[in-house]
Amino acid sequence: MPREQVEATILAGARTVREIGDRCGAGKGAGCGCCRKRLAKLLLEHRLKSTSVENLPNTA
């Protein structure tokens, strides 16, 4: 599953690696778990990025 597709899936509302994998369709079948570690890493990166953006001071 390409990184862009993972990010789009997260933005569409997926909150767990299983939800992302269920929408993948790659590998042995939908939600096969072939890339679970990579998906978990991307989900963690997205969560860290979104929380760091929320904590930025308001400069407007």
Protein backbone atom coordinates (compact mmCIF):
# COMPACT_ATOMS: atom_id res chain seq x y z
CA MET A 1 0.00 0.00 0.00
CA PRO A 2 1.58 3.31 -1.04
CA ARG A 3 2.23 5.93 1.65
CA GLU A 4 -0.20 8.37 0.01
CA GLN A 5 -2.98 5.79 0.17
CA VAL A 6 -2.23 5.09 3.85
CA GLU A 7 -2.36 8.80 4.66
CA ALA A 8 -5.61 9.20 2.73
CA THR A 9 -7.09 6.27 4.65
CA ILE A 10 -6.04 7.81 7.97
CA LEU A 11 -7.54 11.15 6.98
CA ALA A 12 -10.72 9.33 5.94
CA GLY A 13 -11.17 8.14 9.51
CA ALA A 14 -9.12 4.98 10.03
CA ARG A 15 -7.82 4.95 13.62
CA THR A 16 -6.15 1.54 13.88
CA VAL A 17 -3.71 -0.50 11.83
CA ARG A 18 -6.44 -3.09 11.30
CA GLU A 19 -8.80 -0.48 9.83
CA ILE A 20 -6.06 0.68 7.45
CA GLY A 21 -5.21 -2.90 6.48
CA ASP A 22 -8.85 -3.78 5.89
CA ARG A 23 -8.98 -1.07 3.24
CA CYS A 24 -5.67 -2.09 1.68
CA GLY A 25 -6.52 -5.03 -0.54
CA ALA A 26 -2.84 -5.78 -1.25
CA GLY A 27 -0.95 -8.97 -0.53
CA LYS A 28 -2.83 -12.17 0.28
CA GLY A 29 -6.18 -10.47 0.64
CA ALA A 30 -7.90 -7.55 2.25
CA GLY A 31 -6.52 -6.97 5.71
CA CYS A 32 -3.88 -9.71 5.43
CA GLY A 33 -1.41 -7.87 7.70
CA CYS A 34 1.56 -8.13 5.33
CA CYS A 35 2.70 -4.60 6.13
CA ARG A 36 1.35 -4.22 9.69
CA LYS A 37 4.62 -2.82 11.13
CA ARG A 38 4.94 -0.26 8.35
CA LEU A 39 1.31 0.78 8.73
CA ALA A 40 1.76 1.12 12.50
CA LYS A 41 4.80 3.34 11.95
CA LEU A 42 2.91 5.57 9.49
CA LEU A 43 -0.08 5.81 11.84
CA LEU A 44 2.20 6.80 14.73
CA GLU A 45 3.94 9.43 12.57
CA HIS A 46 0.55 10.87 11.61
CA ARG A 47 -0.61 11.01 15.24
CA LEU A 48 2.61 12.70 16.37
CA LYS A 49 2.40 15.20 13.53
CA SER A 50 -1.23 16.06 14.26
CA THR A 51 -0.63 16.51 18.00
CA SER A 52 2.43 18.69 17.43
CA VAL A 53 0.44 20.92 15.06
CA GLU A 54 -2.32 21.28 17.64
CA ASN A 55 0.23 22.41 20.26
CA LEU A 56 1.66 25.22 18.14
CA PRO A 57 1.06 28.73 19.49
CA ASN A 58 -1.62 30.78 17.78
CA THR A 59 0.20 33.54 15.88
CA ALA A 60 -2.83 34.97 14.09
